[in-house]
Amino acid sequence: MYQTKAKIEGMMCNMCETHIAEAIRKAVPSAKKVKADRRKKQATFLTEEKVDLDALEAAIQETGYDYLGAECLPCQKKGLFGRF
């Protein structure tokens, strides 16, 4: 399992967060637990495989927001019920 964190500039409201989440789901159909946060200026999600960061960048740039970079790191389940 991999967790991807993308730094994104320009989100101002809940609708902006929704646009980013939709763009990620479209670019990475296998993405799970997609969450965009305007306050943290980032979006996070989980995948079984490593993500093509170039495709992710293109999808986010296409929405009009500024993609500032991303990292895709292995993660392991934590806790009693296997939450991440």
PDB file of N, CA and C in Angstrom:
ATOM      1  N   MET A   1       0.846  -1.166   0.000  1.00  0.00           N
ATOM      2  CA  MET A   1       0.000   0.000   0.000  1.00  0.00           C
ATOM      3  C   MET A   1       0.899   1.239   0.000  1.00  0.00           C
ATOM      4  N   TYR A   2       0.488   2.255  -0.756  1.00  0.00           N
ATOM      5  CA  TYR A   2       1.240   3.507  -0.855  1.00  0.00           C
ATOM      6  C   TYR A   2       0.342   4.683  -0.498  1.00  0.00           C
ATOM      7  N   GLN A   3       0.915   5.656   0.183  1.00  0.00           N
ATOM      8  CA  GLN A   3       0.213   6.896   0.453  1.00  0.00           C
ATOM      9  C   GLN A   3       0.883   7.991  -0.360  1.00  0.00           C
ATOM     10  N   THR A   4       0.074   8.728  -1.090  1.00  0.00           N
ATOM     11  CA  THR A   4       0.571   9.837  -1.892  1.00  0.00           C
ATOM     12  C   THR A   4       0.086  11.140  -1.276  1.00  0.00           C
ATOM     13  N   LYS A   5       1.015  12.084  -1.119  1.00  0.00           N
ATOM     14  CA  LYS A   5       0.700  13.427  -0.639  1.00  0.00           C
ATOM     15  C   LYS A   5       1.124  14.405  -1.720  1.00  0.00           C
ATOM     16  N   ALA A   6       0.171  15.180  -2.205  1.00  0.00           N
ATOM     17  CA  ALA A   6       0.453  16.188  -3.228  1.00  0.00           C
ATOM     18  C   ALA A   6       0.270  17.572  -2.629  1.00  0.00           C
ATOM     19  N   LYS A   7       1.248  18.433  -2.811  1.00  0.00           N
ATOM     20  CA  LYS A   7       1.152  19.824  -2.371  1.00  0.00           C
ATOM     21  C   LYS A   7       0.475  20.632  -3.479  1.00  0.00           C
ATOM     22  N   ILE A   8      -0.572  21.359  -3.093  1.00  0.00           N
ATOM     23  CA  ILE A   8      -1.380  22.081  -4.071  1.00  0.00           C
ATOM     24  C   ILE A   8      -1.677  23.481  -3.547  1.00  0.00           C
ATOM     25  N   GLU A   9      -1.443  24.456  -4.360  1.00  0.00           N
ATOM     26  CA  GLU A   9      -1.696  25.856  -4.015  1.00  0.00           C
ATOM     27  C   GLU A   9      -2.945  26.323  -4.761  1.00  0.00           C
ATOM     28  N   GLY A  10      -3.751  27.145  -4.100  1.00  0.00           N
ATOM     29  CA  GLY A  10      -4.874  27.776  -4.784  1.00  0.00           C
ATOM     30  C   GLY A  10      -6.251  27.314  -4.332  1.00  0.00           C
ATOM     31  N   MET A  11      -6.332  26.307  -3.478  1.00  0.00           N
ATOM     32  CA  MET A  11      -7.641  25.883  -2.983  1.00  0.00           C
ATOM     33  C   MET A  11      -8.127  26.910  -1.957  1.00  0.00           C
ATOM     34  N   MET A  12      -9.361  27.386  -2.124  1.00  0.00           N
ATOM     35  CA  MET A  12      -9.895  28.426  -1.247  1.00  0.00           C
ATOM     36  C   MET A  12     -11.156  28.010  -0.486  1.00  0.00           C
ATOM     37  N   CYS A  13     -11.840  26.956  -0.938  1.00  0.00           N
ATOM     38  CA  CYS A  13     -13.115  26.599  -0.329  1.00  0.00           C
ATOM     39  C   CYS A  13     -13.370  25.094  -0.468  1.00  0.00           C
ATOM     40  N   ASN A  14     -14.506  24.654   0.046  1.00  0.00           N
ATOM     41  CA  ASN A  14     -14.874  23.237  -0.047  1.00  0.00           C
ATOM     42  C   ASN A  14     -15.007  22.772  -1.492  1.00  0.00           C
ATOM     43  N   MET A  15     -15.509  23.630  -2.344  1.00  0.00           N
ATOM     44  CA  MET A  15     -15.678  23.253  -3.750  1.00  0.00           C
ATOM     45  C   MET A  15     -14.320  23.031  -4.415  1.00  0.00           C
ATOM     46  N   CYS A  16     -13.337  23.825  -4.042  1.00  0.00           N
ATOM     47  CA  CYS A  16     -11.980  23.626  -4.561  1.00  0.00           C
ATOM     48  C   CYS A  16     -11.459  22.255  -4.150  1.00  0.00           C
ATOM     49  N   GLU A  17     -11.684  21.895  -2.889  1.00  0.00           N
ATOM     50  CA  GLU A  17     -11.263  20.582  -2.408  1.00  0.00           C
ATOM     51  C   GLU A  17     -11.941  19.474  -3.207  1.00  0.00           C
ATOM     52  N   THR A  18     -13.210  19.666  -3.504  1.00  0.00           N
ATOM     53  CA  THR A  18     -13.953  18.684  -4.291  1.00  0.00           C
ATOM     54  C   THR A  18     -13.390  18.564  -5.701  1.00  0.00           C
ATOM     55  N   HIS A  19     -13.057  19.686  -6.326  1.00  0.00           N
ATOM     56  CA  HIS A  19     -12.473  19.655  -7.680  1.00  0.00           C
ATOM     57  C   HIS A  19     -11.172  18.870  -7.697  1.00  0.00           C
ATOM     58  N   ILE A  20     -10.323  19.093  -6.692  1.00  0.00           N
ATOM     59  CA  ILE A  20      -9.048  18.382  -6.618  1.00  0.00           C
ATOM     60  C   ILE A  20      -9.287  16.890  -6.420  1.00  0.00           C
ATOM     61  N   ALA A  21     -10.179  16.530  -5.508  1.00  0.00           N
ATOM     62  CA  ALA A  21     -10.470  15.116  -5.247  1.00  0.00           C
ATOM     63  C   ALA A  21     -10.998  14.429  -6.506  1.00  0.00           C
ATOM     64  N   GLU A  22     -11.865  15.089  -7.241  1.00  0.00           N
ATOM     65  CA  GLU A  22     -12.398  14.519  -8.485  1.00  0.00           C
ATOM     66  C   GLU A  22     -11.295  14.349  -9.534  1.00  0.00           C
ATOM     67  N   ALA A  23     -10.407  15.326  -9.628  1.00  0.00           N
ATOM     68  CA  ALA A  23      -9.300  15.242 -10.588  1.00  0.00           C
ATOM     69  C   ALA A  23      -8.389  14.067 -10.247  1.00  0.00           C
ATOM     70  N   ILE A  24      -8.140  13.865  -8.955  1.00  0.00           N
ATOM     71  CA  ILE A  24      -7.293  12.744  -8.531  1.00  0.00           C
ATOM     72  C   ILE A  24      -7.968  11.421  -8.855  1.00  0.00           C
ATOM     73  N   ARG A  25      -9.256  11.302  -8.550  1.00  0.00           N
ATOM     74  CA  ARG A  25      -9.979  10.051  -8.837  1.00  0.00           C
ATOM     75  C   ARG A  25      -9.996   9.734 -10.330  1.00  0.00           C
ATOM     76  N   LYS A  26     -10.056  10.773 -11.154  1.00  0.00           N
ATOM     77  CA  LYS A  26     -10.047  10.579 -12.597  1.00  0.00           C
ATOM     78  C   LYS A  26      -8.662  10.146 -13.087  1.00  0.00           C
ATOM     79  N   ALA A  27      -7.612  10.778 -12.561  1.00  0.00           N
ATOM     80  CA  ALA A  27      -6.240  10.475 -12.987  1.00  0.00           C
ATOM     81  C   ALA A  27      -5.735   9.160 -12.408  1.00  0.00           C
ATOM     82  N   VAL A  28      -6.222   8.810 -11.209  1.00  0.00           N
ATOM     83  CA  VAL A  28      -5.776   7.597 -10.515  1.00  0.00           C
ATOM     84  C   VAL A  28      -7.024   6.822 -10.083  1.00  0.00           C
ATOM     85  N   PRO A  29      -7.615   6.054 -10.996  1.00  0.00           N
ATOM     86  CA  PRO A  29      -8.875   5.359 -10.688  1.00  0.00           C
ATOM     87  C   PRO A  29      -8.792   4.420  -9.483  1.00  0.00           C
ATOM     88  N   SER A  30      -7.611   3.932  -9.160  1.00  0.00           N
ATOM     89  CA  SER A  30      -7.467   3.018  -8.026  1.00  0.00           C
ATOM     90  C   SER A  30      -7.309   3.751  -6.690  1.00  0.00           C
ATOM     91  N   ALA A  31      -7.346   5.073  -6.689  1.00  0.00           N
ATOM     92  CA  ALA A  31      -7.149   5.854  -5.465  1.00  0.00           C
ATOM     93  C   ALA A  31      -8.280   5.613  -4.468  1.00  0.00           C
ATOM     94  N   LYS A  32      -7.887   5.449  -3.208  1.00  0.00           N
ATOM     95  CA  LYS A  32      -8.851   5.254  -2.124  1.00  0.00           C
ATOM     96  C   LYS A  32      -8.597   6.311  -1.060  1.00  0.00           C
ATOM     97  N   LYS A  33      -9.631   6.624  -0.308  1.00  0.00           N
ATOM     98  CA  LYS A  33      -9.543   7.602   0.787  1.00  0.00           C
ATOM     99  C   LYS A  33      -8.950   8.924   0.313  1.00  0.00           C
ATOM    100  N   VAL A  34      -9.453   9.422  -0.805  1.00  0.00           N
ATOM    101  CA  VAL A  34      -8.969  10.684  -1.366  1.00  0.00           C
ATOM    102  C   VAL A  34      -9.475  11.839  -0.506  1.00  0.00           C
ATOM    103  N   LYS A  35      -8.549  12.690  -0.078  1.00  0.00           N
ATOM    104  CA  LYS A  35      -8.920  13.827   0.752  1.00  0.00           C
ATOM    105  C   LYS A  35      -8.063  15.025   0.354  1.00  0.00           C
ATOM    106  N   ALA A  36      -8.723  16.131   0.048  1.00  0.00           N
ATOM    107  CA  ALA A  36      -8.019  17.383  -0.234  1.00  0.00           C
ATOM    108  C   ALA A  36      -8.290  18.331   0.928  1.00  0.00           C
ATOM    109  N   ASP A  37      -7.272  19.069   1.342  1.00  0.00           N
ATOM    110  CA  ASP A  37      -7.391  19.970   2.485  1.00  0.00           C
ATOM    111  C   ASP A  37      -6.784  21.322   2.119  1.00  0.00           C
ATOM    112  N   ARG A  38      -7.633  22.318   1.993  1.00  0.00           N
ATOM    113  CA  ARG A  38      -7.160  23.652   1.586  1.00  0.00           C
ATOM    114  C   ARG A  38      -6.274  24.289   2.649  1.00  0.00           C
ATOM    115  N   ARG A  39      -6.533  23.999   3.926  1.00  0.00           N
ATOM    116  CA  ARG A  39      -5.731  24.600   4.998  1.00  0.00           C
ATOM    117  C   ARG A  39      -4.304  24.065   5.000  1.00  0.00           C
ATOM    118  N   LYS A  40      -4.174  22.774   4.767  1.00  0.00           N
ATOM    119  CA  LYS A  40      -2.846  22.149   4.714  1.00  0.00           C
ATOM    120  C   LYS A  40      -2.204  22.301   3.339  1.00  0.00           C
ATOM    121  N   LYS A  41      -3.008  22.740   2.360  1.00  0.00           N
ATOM    122  CA  LYS A  41      -2.557  22.900   0.976  1.00  0.00           C
ATOM    123  C   LYS A  41      -2.025  21.583   0.421  1.00  0.00           C
ATOM    124  N   GLN A  42      -2.799  20.517   0.655  1.00  0.00           N
ATOM    125  CA  GLN A  42      -2.379  19.217   0.154  1.00  0.00           C
ATOM    126  C   GLN A  42      -3.573  18.302  -0.077  1.00  0.00           C
ATOM    127  N   ALA A  43      -3.304  17.274  -0.834  1.00  0.00           N
ATOM    128  CA  ALA A  43      -4.274  16.201  -1.041  1.00  0.00           C
ATOM    129  C   ALA A  43      -3.559  14.892  -0.731  1.00  0.00           C
ATOM    130  N   THR A  44      -4.275  13.954  -0.131  1.00  0.00           N
ATOM    131  CA  THR A  44      -3.697  12.661   0.194  1.00  0.00           C
ATOM    132  C   THR A  44      -4.633  11.557  -0.282  1.00  0.00           C
ATOM    133  N   PHE A  45      -4.039  10.412  -0.617  1.00  0.00           N
ATOM    134  CA  PHE A  45      -4.833   9.246  -0.985  1.00  0.00           C
ATOM    135  C   PHE A  45      -3.969   7.997  -0.924  1.00  0.00           C
ATOM    136  N   LEU A  46      -4.630   6.852  -0.952  1.00  0.00           N
ATOM    137  CA  LEU A  46      -3.960   5.550  -0.876  1.00  0.00           C
ATOM    138  C   LEU A  46      -4.145   4.791  -2.182  1.00  0.00           C
ATOM    139  N   THR A  47      -3.138   3.998  -2.537  1.00  0.00           N
ATOM    140  CA  THR A  47      -3.208   3.118  -3.702  1.00  0.00           C
ATOM    141  C   THR A  47      -2.452   1.829  -3.396  1.00  0.00           C
ATOM    142  N   GLU A  48      -2.751   0.807  -4.157  1.00  0.00           N
ATOM    143  CA  GLU A  48      -2.031  -0.460  -4.023  1.00  0.00           C
ATOM    144  C   GLU A  48      -0.669  -0.390  -4.719  1.00  0.00           C
ATOM    145  N   GLU A  49      -0.594   0.375  -5.801  1.00  0.00           N
ATOM    146  CA  GLU A  49       0.625   0.504  -6.610  1.00  0.00           C
ATOM    147  C   GLU A  49       1.158   1.930  -6.520  1.00  0.00           C
ATOM    148  N   LYS A  50       2.420   2.116  -6.870  1.00  0.00           N
ATOM    149  CA  LYS A  50       2.976   3.469  -6.941  1.00  0.00           C
ATOM    150  C   LYS A  50       2.226   4.278  -7.993  1.00  0.00           C
ATOM    151  N   VAL A  51       2.132   5.565  -7.746  1.00  0.00           N
ATOM    152  CA  VAL A  51       1.378   6.467  -8.617  1.00  0.00           C
ATOM    153  C   VAL A  51       2.309   7.115  -9.639  1.00  0.00           C
ATOM    154  N   ASP A  52       1.802   7.298 -10.857  1.00  0.00           N
ATOM    155  CA  ASP A  52       2.522   8.046 -11.882  1.00  0.00           C
ATOM    156  C   ASP A  52       2.375   9.531 -11.539  1.00  0.00           C
ATOM    157  N   LEU A  53       3.395  10.118 -10.949  1.00  0.00           N
ATOM    158  CA  LEU A  53       3.316  11.495 -10.478  1.00  0.00           C
ATOM    159  C   LEU A  53       3.185  12.504 -11.616  1.00  0.00           C
ATOM    160  N   ASP A  54       3.677  12.158 -12.796  1.00  0.00           N
ATOM    161  CA  ASP A  54       3.518  13.058 -13.953  1.00  0.00           C
ATOM    162  C   ASP A  54       2.047  13.157 -14.356  1.00  0.00           C
ATOM    163  N   ALA A  55       1.347  12.026 -14.346  1.00  0.00           N
ATOM    164  CA  ALA A  55      -0.088  12.026 -14.681  1.00  0.00           C
ATOM    165  C   ALA A  55      -0.874  12.790 -13.616  1.00  0.00           C
ATOM    166  N   LEU A  56      -0.481  12.619 -12.354  1.00  0.00           N
ATOM    167  CA  LEU A  56      -1.138  13.346 -11.264  1.00  0.00           C
ATOM    168  C   LEU A  56      -0.933  14.847 -11.429  1.00  0.00           C
ATOM    169  N   GLU A  57       0.289  15.243 -11.733  1.00  0.00           N
ATOM    170  CA  GLU A  57       0.578  16.665 -11.943  1.00  0.00           C
ATOM    171  C   GLU A  57      -0.265  17.231 -13.082  1.00  0.00           C
ATOM    172  N   ALA A  58      -0.327  16.519 -14.189  1.00  0.00           N
ATOM    173  CA  ALA A  58      -1.102  16.994 -15.344  1.00  0.00           C
ATOM    174  C   ALA A  58      -2.582  17.167 -14.985  1.00  0.00           C
ATOM    175  N   ALA A  59      -3.131  16.218 -14.232  1.00  0.00           N
ATOM    176  CA  ALA A  59      -4.549  16.285 -13.860  1.00  0.00           C
ATOM    177  C   ALA A  59      -4.823  17.482 -12.952  1.00  0.00           C
ATOM    178  N   ILE A  60      -3.940  17.737 -12.014  1.00  0.00           N
ATOM    179  CA  ILE A  60      -4.146  18.859 -11.098  1.00  0.00           C
ATOM    180  C   ILE A  60      -3.938  20.189 -11.813  1.00  0.00           C
ATOM    181  N   GLN A  61      -2.910  20.279 -12.645  1.00  0.00           N
ATOM    182  CA  GLN A  61      -2.664  21.522 -13.404  1.00  0.00           C
ATOM    183  C   GLN A  61      -3.846  21.829 -14.337  1.00  0.00           C
ATOM    184  N   GLU A  62      -4.451  20.776 -14.870  1.00  0.00           N
ATOM    185  CA  GLU A  62      -5.592  20.948 -15.786  1.00  0.00           C
ATOM    186  C   GLU A  62      -6.778  21.613 -15.084  1.00  0.00           C
ATOM    187  N   THR A  63      -6.904  21.429 -13.773  1.00  0.00           N
ATOM    188  CA  THR A  63      -8.010  22.032 -13.030  1.00  0.00           C
ATOM    189  C   THR A  63      -7.783  23.514 -12.761  1.00  0.00           C
ATOM    190  N   GLY A  64      -6.545  23.998 -12.953  1.00  0.00           N
ATOM    191  CA  GLY A  64      -6.243  25.400 -12.725  1.00  0.00           C
ATOM    192  C   GLY A  64      -5.548  25.686 -11.408  1.00  0.00           C
ATOM    193  N   TYR A  65      -5.308  24.665 -10.605  1.00  0.00           N
ATOM    194  CA  TYR A  65      -4.596  24.840  -9.339  1.00  0.00           C
ATOM    195  C   TYR A  65      -3.106  24.607  -9.568  1.00  0.00           C
ATOM    196  N   ASP A  66      -2.298  25.088  -8.654  1.00  0.00           N
ATOM    197  CA  ASP A  66      -0.847  24.965  -8.790  1.00  0.00           C
ATOM    198  C   ASP A  66      -0.348  23.717  -8.076  1.00  0.00           C
ATOM    199  N   TYR A  67       0.221  22.807  -8.839  1.00  0.00           N
ATOM    200  CA  TYR A  67       0.818  21.586  -8.313  1.00  0.00           C
ATOM    201  C   TYR A  67       2.238  21.920  -7.886  1.00  0.00           C
ATOM    202  N   LEU A  68       2.555  21.700  -6.606  1.00  0.00           N
ATOM    203  CA  LEU A  68       3.870  22.055  -6.077  1.00  0.00           C
ATOM    204  C   LEU A  68       4.763  20.846  -5.832  1.00  0.00           C
ATOM    205  N   GLY A  69       4.276  19.664  -6.183  1.00  0.00           N
ATOM    206  CA  GLY A  69       5.069  18.459  -5.993  1.00  0.00           C
ATOM    207  C   GLY A  69       4.289  17.415  -5.210  1.00  0.00           C
ATOM    208  N   ALA A  70       4.814  16.189  -5.223  1.00  0.00           N
ATOM    209  CA  ALA A  70       4.153  15.097  -4.511  1.00  0.00           C
ATOM    210  C   ALA A  70       5.175  14.044  -4.139  1.00  0.00           C
ATOM    211  N   GLU A  71       4.800  13.227  -3.167  1.00  0.00           N
ATOM    212  CA  GLU A  71       5.609  12.076  -2.807  1.00  0.00           C
ATOM    213  C   GLU A  71       4.693  10.880  -2.632  1.00  0.00           C
ATOM    214  N   CYS A  72       5.188   9.740  -3.044  1.00  0.00           N
ATOM    215  CA  CYS A  72       4.438   8.489  -2.967  1.00  0.00           C
ATOM    216  C   CYS A  72       5.289   7.520  -2.148  1.00  0.00           C
ATOM    217  N   LEU A  73       4.854   7.273  -0.911  1.00  0.00           N
ATOM    218  CA  LEU A  73       5.654   6.476   0.015  1.00  0.00           C
ATOM    219  C   LEU A  73       4.899   5.238   0.491  1.00  0.00           C
ATOM    220  N   PRO A  74       5.615   4.145   0.724  1.00  0.00           N
ATOM    221  CA  PRO A  74       4.963   2.951   1.267  1.00  0.00           C
ATOM    222  C   PRO A  74       4.397   3.243   2.662  1.00  0.00           C
ATOM    223  N   CYS A  75       3.268   2.651   2.970  1.00  0.00           N
ATOM    224  CA  CYS A  75       2.691   2.808   4.301  1.00  0.00           C
ATOM    225  C   CYS A  75       2.147   1.461   4.756  1.00  0.00           C
ATOM    226  N   GLN A  76       1.990   1.326   6.053  1.00  0.00           N
ATOM    227  CA  GLN A  76       1.472   0.091   6.613  1.00  0.00           C
ATOM    228  C   GLN A  76       0.257   0.403   7.465  1.00  0.00           C
ATOM    229  N   LYS A  77      -0.610  -0.573   7.577  1.00  0.00           N
ATOM    230  CA  LYS A  77      -1.789  -0.412   8.403  1.00  0.00           C
ATOM    231  C   LYS A  77      -1.371  -0.276   9.856  1.00  0.00           C
ATOM    232  N   LYS A  78      -2.107   0.567  10.581  1.00  0.00           N
ATOM    233  CA  LYS A  78      -1.823   0.802  11.990  1.00  0.00           C
ATOM    234  C   LYS A  78      -3.072   0.492  12.805  1.00  0.00           C
ATOM    235  N   GLY A  79      -2.876   0.225  14.045  1.00  0.00           N
ATOM    236  CA  GLY A  79      -3.987   0.108  14.970  1.00  0.00           C
ATOM    237  C   GLY A  79      -4.722  -1.215  14.928  1.00  0.00           C
ATOM    238  N   LEU A  80      -5.665  -1.320  15.803  1.00  0.00           N
ATOM    239  CA  LEU A  80      -6.427  -2.546  15.994  1.00  0.00           C
ATOM    240  C   LEU A  80      -7.267  -2.924  14.778  1.00  0.00           C
ATOM    241  N   PHE A  81      -7.838  -1.950  14.104  1.00  0.00           N
ATOM    242  CA  PHE A  81      -8.736  -2.225  12.982  1.00  0.00           C
ATOM    243  C   PHE A  81      -8.102  -1.973  11.621  1.00  0.00           C
ATOM    244  N   GLY A  82      -6.802  -1.818  11.573  1.00  0.00           N
ATOM    245  CA  GLY A  82      -6.098  -1.674  10.305  1.00  0.00           C
ATOM    246  C   GLY A  82      -6.277  -0.336   9.626  1.00  0.00           C
ATOM    247  N   ARG A  83      -6.455   0.719  10.395  1.00  0.00           N
ATOM    248  CA  ARG A  83      -6.588   2.042   9.788  1.00  0.00           C
ATOM    249  C   ARG A  83      -5.221   2.590   9.447  1.00  0.00           C
ATOM    250  N   PHE A  84      -5.200   3.516   8.493  1.00  0.00           N
ATOM    251  CA  PHE A  84      -3.937   4.117   8.050  1.00  0.00           C
ATOM    252  C   PHE A  84      -3.699   5.416   8.747  1.00  0.00           C
TER     253      PHE A  84
END
